[in-house]
C-alpha atoms as a PDB file:
ATOM      1  CA  MET A   1       0.000   0.000   0.000  1.00  0.00           C
ATOM      2  CA  ASN A   2       2.705   2.530   0.928  1.00  0.00           C
ATOM      3  CA  PHE A   3       4.679   1.626  -2.210  1.00  0.00           C
ATOM      4  CA  LEU A   4       1.640   2.347  -4.377  1.00  0.00           C
ATOM      5  CA  MET A   5       1.040   5.706  -2.722  1.00  0.00           C
ATOM      6  CA  PHE A   6       4.389   7.014  -3.942  1.00  0.00           C
ATOM      7  CA  GLN A   7       3.395   6.273  -7.538  1.00  0.00           C
ATOM      8  CA  LEU A   8       0.075   8.127  -7.402  1.00  0.00           C
ATOM      9  CA  PRO A   9      -0.327  11.767  -8.460  1.00  0.00           C
ATOM     10  CA  THR A  10      -0.282  14.232  -5.568  1.00  0.00           C
ATOM     11  CA  ARG A  11      -4.065  14.717  -5.272  1.00  0.00           C
ATOM     12  CA  ALA A  12      -4.705  10.950  -5.414  1.00  0.00           C
ATOM     13  CA  ALA A  13      -1.966  10.379  -2.833  1.00  0.00           C
ATOM     14  CA  LEU A  14      -3.691  12.780  -0.455  1.00  0.00           C
ATOM     15  CA  VAL A  15      -7.006  10.994  -0.935  1.00  0.00           C
ATOM     16  CA  ALA A  16      -5.293   7.625  -0.312  1.00  0.00           C
ATOM     17  CA  PHE A  17      -3.626   9.015   2.833  1.00  0.00           C
ATOM     18  CA  ALA A  18      -6.997  10.255   4.130  1.00  0.00           C
ATOM     19  CA  VAL A  19      -8.327   6.694   3.815  1.00  0.00           C
ATOM     20  CA  LEU A  20      -5.427   5.152   5.765  1.00  0.00           C
ATOM     21  CA  PRO A  21      -6.987   5.626   9.211  1.00  0.00           C
ATOM     22  CA  THR A  22      -9.784   3.268   8.243  1.00  0.00           C
ATOM     23  CA  LEU A  23      -7.313   0.639   7.002  1.00  0.00           C
ATOM     24  CA  GLY A  24      -4.960   0.275   9.963  1.00  0.00           C
ATOM     25  CA  LEU A  25      -5.121   3.285  12.248  1.00  0.00           C
ATOM     26  CA  ALA A  26      -8.702   2.931  13.451  1.00  0.00           C
ATOM     27  CA  GLN A  27      -8.638   4.092  17.063  1.00  0.00           C
ATOM     28  CA  ILE A  28     -11.953   4.204  18.795  1.00  0.00           C
ATOM     29  CA  PRO A  29     -13.194   7.691  19.675  1.00  0.00           C
ATOM     30  CA  GLY A  30     -14.088   7.992  23.349  1.00  0.00           C
ATOM     31  CA  GLU A  31     -12.458   8.154  26.766  1.00  0.00           C
ATOM     32  CA  TRP A  32      -8.724   7.362  26.797  1.00  0.00           C
ATOM     33  CA  LYS A  33      -6.555   7.074  29.906  1.00  0.00           C
ATOM     34  CA  TYR A  34      -3.006   8.393  29.496  1.00  0.00           C
ATOM     35  CA  THR A  35      -0.031   7.654  31.754  1.00  0.00           C
ATOM     36  CA  ILE A  36       3.278   9.466  31.292  1.00  0.00           C
ATOM     37  CA  ALA A  37       6.323   8.043  33.110  1.00  0.00           C
ATOM     38  CA  THR A  38       9.919   9.289  33.039  1.00  0.00           C
ATOM     39  CA  ASP A  39      12.980   7.046  32.806  1.00  0.00           C
ATOM     40  CA  LEU A  40      14.793   8.339  35.878  1.00  0.00           C
ATOM     41  CA  ALA A  41      18.189   6.789  35.026  1.00  0.00           C
ATOM     42  CA  SER A  42      19.507  10.056  33.568  1.00  0.00           C
ATOM     43  CA  VAL A  43      17.875  12.285  36.184  1.00  0.00           C
ATOM     44  CA  PRO A  44      19.920  13.203  39.297  1.00  0.00           C
ATOM     45  CA  VAL A  45      18.472  11.677  42.469  1.00  0.00           C
ATOM     46  CA  ASP A  46      17.662  15.076  43.978  1.00  0.00           C
ATOM     47  CA  MET A  47      15.700  16.039  40.834  1.00  0.00           C
ATOM     48  CA  ARG A  48      13.571  12.899  40.522  1.00  0.00           C
ATOM     49  CA  VAL A  49      10.767  14.342  42.624  1.00  0.00           C
ATOM     50  CA  ASN A  50      10.198  16.791  39.737  1.00  0.00           C
ATOM     51  CA  PHE A  51       9.356  13.949  37.346  1.00  0.00           C
ATOM     52  CA  PRO A  52       6.385  12.076  38.847  1.00  0.00           C
ATOM     53  CA  THR A  53       4.271   9.657  36.855  1.00  0.00           C
ATOM     54  CA  VAL A  54       1.209  11.525  35.631  1.00  0.00           C
ATOM     55  CA  SER A  55      -2.152  10.064  34.604  1.00  0.00           C
ATOM     56  CA  PHE A  56      -5.172  11.693  33.070  1.00  0.00           C
ATOM     57  CA  ALA A  57      -8.259  10.779  31.095  1.00  0.00           C
ATOM     58  CA  VAL A  58      -9.431  12.673  28.054  1.00  0.00           C
ATOM     59  CA  CYS A  59     -12.220  12.380  25.517  1.00  0.00           C
ATOM     60  CA  ARG A  60     -10.681  11.798  22.080  1.00  0.00           C
ATOM     61  CA  THR A  61     -12.432  12.318  18.751  1.00  0.00           C
ATOM     62  CA  ALA A  62     -11.771  10.587  15.438  1.00  0.00           C
ATOM     63  CA  ALA A  63     -10.185  13.871  14.281  1.00  0.00           C
ATOM     64  CA  ASP A  64      -7.689  13.733  17.193  1.00  0.00           C
ATOM     65  CA  PHE A  65      -6.414  10.384  15.916  1.00  0.00           C
ATOM     66  CA  ALA A  66      -6.508  11.233  12.207  1.00  0.00           C
ATOM     67  CA  SER A  67      -4.502  14.434  12.769  1.00  0.00           C
ATOM     68  CA  GLY A  68      -1.992  12.799  15.136  1.00  0.00           C
ATOM     69  CA  ARG A  69      -2.987  15.144  17.975  1.00  0.00           C
ATOM     70  CA  ALA A  70      -3.851  12.237  20.284  1.00  0.00           C
ATOM     71  CA  PHE A  71      -0.244  10.977  20.079  1.00  0.00           C
ATOM     72  CA  ALA A  72       1.442  14.343  20.703  1.00  0.00           C
ATOM     73  CA  LEU A  73       3.158  15.399  23.924  1.00  0.00           C
ATOM     74  CA  GLN A  74       0.436  15.937  26.499  1.00  0.00           C
ATOM     75  CA  THR A  75       1.035  18.097  29.542  1.00  0.00           C
ATOM     76  CA  LEU A  76      -2.686  18.760  29.821  1.00  0.00           C
ATOM     77  CA  ALA A  77      -5.423  17.558  27.540  1.00  0.00           C
ATOM     78  CA  SER A  78      -5.830  21.105  26.197  1.00  0.00           C
ATOM     79  CA  SER A  79      -2.098  21.899  26.004  1.00  0.00           C
ATOM     80  CA  ASP A  80      -1.371  21.477  22.297  1.00  0.00           C
ATOM     81  CA  ALA A  81      -1.038  25.242  21.756  1.00  0.00           C
ATOM     82  CA  ARG A  82       1.842  25.374  24.261  1.00  0.00           C
ATOM     83  CA  CYS A  83       3.698  22.346  22.865  1.00  0.00           C
ATOM     84  CA  GLU A  84       3.091  22.509  19.127  1.00  0.00           C
ATOM     85  CA  SER A  85       3.548  19.315  17.103  1.00  0.00           C
ATOM     86  CA  LYS A  86       5.027  19.297  13.595  1.00  0.00           C
ATOM     87  CA  ASN A  87       6.177  16.783  11.007  1.00  0.00           C
ATOM     88  CA  ILE A  88       3.470  14.312  11.983  1.00  0.00           C
ATOM     89  CA  ASN A  89       3.926  11.068  10.055  1.00  0.00           C
ATOM     90  CA  ILE A  90       1.257   8.365  10.323  1.00  0.00           C
ATOM     91  CA  VAL A  91       1.941   4.955   8.764  1.00  0.00           C
ATOM     92  CA  ALA A  92      -0.966   2.541   8.966  1.00  0.00           C
ATOM     93  CA  GLY A  93      -0.175  -1.090   9.712  1.00  0.00           C
ATOM     94  CA  VAL A  94      -1.050  -3.770   7.213  1.00  0.00           C
ATOM     95  CA  ARG A  95      -1.964  -7.429   7.694  1.00  0.00           C
ATOM     96  CA  GLY A  96      -2.141  -7.307  11.479  1.00  0.00           C
ATOM     97  CA  GLN A  97       0.955  -5.142  12.020  1.00  0.00           C
ATOM     98  CA  ALA A  98       0.798  -2.214  14.425  1.00  0.00           C
ATOM     99  CA  SER A  99       0.566   1.281  12.999  1.00  0.00           C
ATOM    100  CA  ARG A 100       3.368   3.765  13.614  1.00  0.00           C
ATOM    101  CA  VAL A 101       3.297   7.499  14.283  1.00  0.00           C
ATOM    102  CA  SER A 102       6.197   9.926  14.614  1.00  0.00           C
ATOM    103  CA  LEU A 103       6.270  13.660  15.212  1.00  0.00           C
ATOM    104  CA  ASP A 104       8.414  16.521  16.453  1.00  0.00           C
ATOM    105  CA  TYR A 105       7.280  18.869  19.213  1.00  0.00           C
ATOM    106  CA  ALA A 106       8.429  22.175  20.649  1.00  0.00           C
ATOM    107  CA  CYS A 107       7.119  23.889  23.761  1.00  0.00           C
ATOM    108  CA  ASP A 108       7.070  27.671  23.890  1.00  0.00           C
ATOM    109  CA  ASP A 109       8.383  27.769  20.287  1.00  0.00           C
ATOM    110  CA  GLY A 110      11.285  25.490  21.270  1.00  0.00           C
ATOM    111  CA  LYS A 111      12.594  27.963  23.845  1.00  0.00           C
ATOM    112  CA  THR A 112      12.002  25.637  26.821  1.00  0.00           C
ATOM    113  CA  LEU A 113      11.638  22.093  25.475  1.00  0.00           C
ATOM    114  CA  ALA A 114      11.822  20.305  22.139  1.00  0.00           C
ATOM    115  CA  GLY A 115      11.776  16.668  21.160  1.00  0.00           C
ATOM    116  CA  ARG A 116      10.698  13.735  19.056  1.00  0.00           C
ATOM    117  CA  ALA A 117       7.929  11.198  19.631  1.00  0.00           C
ATOM    118  CA  ARG A 118       7.568   7.714  18.138  1.00  0.00           C
ATOM    119  CA  ALA A 119       4.448   5.641  18.707  1.00  0.00           C
ATOM    120  CA  VAL A 120       3.272   2.087  18.179  1.00  0.00           C
ATOM    121  CA  VAL A 121      -0.483   2.186  17.747  1.00  0.00           C
ATOM    122  CA  ALA A 122      -3.283  -0.374  18.024  1.00  0.00           C
ATOM    123  CA  PRO A 123      -7.053   0.326  17.952  1.00  0.00           C
ATOM    124  CA  LYS A 124      -7.500   0.400  21.765  1.00  0.00           C
ATOM    125  CA  ARG A 125      -3.963   1.132  22.973  1.00  0.00           C
ATOM    126  CA  PHE A 126      -0.811   2.978  22.023  1.00  0.00           C
ATOM    127  CA  VAL A 127       2.658   3.554  23.439  1.00  0.00           C
ATOM    128  CA  VAL A 128       4.707   6.655  22.644  1.00  0.00           C
ATOM    129  CA  ALA A 129       8.448   7.009  23.309  1.00  0.00           C
ATOM    130  CA  LEU A 130       9.284  10.667  23.988  1.00  0.00           C
ATOM    131  CA  GLU A 131      12.811  12.093  23.882  1.00  0.00           C
ATOM    132  CA  SER A 132      12.825  15.681  25.134  1.00  0.00           C
ATOM    133  CA  SER A 133      15.656  18.204  25.401  1.00  0.00           C
ATOM    134  CA  TYR A 134      15.456  21.135  27.803  1.00  0.00           C
ATOM    135  CA  ARG A 135      16.615  24.507  26.498  1.00  0.00           C
ATOM    136  CA  PRO A 136      18.605  25.437  28.562  1.00  0.00           C
ATOM    137  CA  ALA A 137      19.325  22.436  30.778  1.00  0.00           C
ATOM    138  CA  VAL A 138      17.343  22.397  34.034  1.00  0.00           C
ATOM    139  CA  SER A 139      19.510  21.659  37.100  1.00  0.00           C
ATOM    140  CA  GLY A 140      21.895  19.651  34.946  1.00  0.00           C
ATOM    141  CA  VAL A 141      19.162  17.701  33.138  1.00  0.00           C
ATOM    142  CA  GLU A 142      19.434  18.190  29.364  1.00  0.00           C
ATOM    143  CA  THR A 143      17.565  15.203  27.917  1.00  0.00           C
ATOM    144  CA  ILE A 144      14.825  13.019  29.353  1.00  0.00           C
ATOM    145  CA  HIS A 145      13.173   9.900  28.023  1.00  0.00           C
ATOM    146  CA  GLN A 146       9.526   9.294  28.806  1.00  0.00           C
ATOM    147  CA  THR A 147       6.890   6.750  27.894  1.00  0.00           C
ATOM    148  CA  MET A 148       3.335   7.869  27.277  1.00  0.00           C
ATOM    149  CA  GLU A 149       0.852   5.009  27.252  1.00  0.00           C
ATOM    150  CA  ALA A 150      -2.832   5.358  26.511  1.00  0.00           C
ATOM    151  CA  ARG A 151      -5.696   2.922  26.454  1.00  0.00           C
ATOM    152  CA  TYR A 152      -9.329   3.156  25.490  1.00  0.00           C
ATOM    153  CA  VAL A 153     -11.647   2.919  28.514  1.00  0.00           C
ATOM    154  CA  GLY A 154     -15.116   3.493  27.030  1.00  0.00           C
ATOM    155  CA  ASP A 155     -17.550   6.214  26.115  1.00  0.00           C
ATOM    156  CA  CYS A 156     -16.625   9.802  26.959  1.00  0.00           C
ATOM    157  CA  LYS A 157     -17.423  10.876  30.520  1.00  0.00           C
ATOM    158  CA  ARG A 158     -16.143  14.424  30.056  1.00  0.00           C
ATOM    159  CA  ALA A 159     -16.038  16.993  27.286  1.00  0.00           C
ATOM    160  CA  PRO A 160     -13.202  16.894  24.747  1.00  0.00           C
ATOM    161  CA  ASP A 161     -10.128  18.760  26.076  1.00  0.00           C
ATOM    162  CA  ALA A 162     -11.302  18.782  29.702  1.00  0.00           C
ATOM    163  CA  ASP A 163      -8.242  18.761  31.983  1.00  0.00           C
ATOM    164  CA  GLU A 164      -8.015  16.272  34.830  1.00  0.00           C
ATOM    165  CA  ILE A 165      -4.541  15.175  35.913  1.00  0.00           C
ATOM    166  CA  LYS A 166      -3.513  12.775  38.661  1.00  0.00           C
ATOM    167  CA  VAL A 167       0.072  12.612  39.904  1.00  0.00           C
ATOM    168  CA  GLN A 168       1.220   9.208  41.146  1.00  0.00           C
END
């Protein structure tokens, strides 16, 4: 499928790309629970308290998945304006393979934090590896690695973009 897309004229390629979510990237709109955890190996012991595991639930629409917004760095459900995502690449899985998503992000126009995200995506679950660089380093921490996991939990119980965060 991907090989054929490169041979199509530009307009046809865009139409084919728009269809991809229904082929292999068919997440279910509804309530999704996110958990973001930091790999503390590269974080000084006295700084680890600043990197707690964070969980939140958010109502996701089909448009959130199709645009890649659901896989972007999430500090709050409504935070995408602060940490803008660019270069979103969605590759739908074929024949039972997981879909893949990658994107770049920059918080405060890249003045405070910038990074890259890579996700493995299934219809009711996805895992995103985040590699973020602080600009400038914060208390000696330049780069952190985080994992953002999300799973579908059912119908929406809150409005899209409602913020509710729990620190673990």
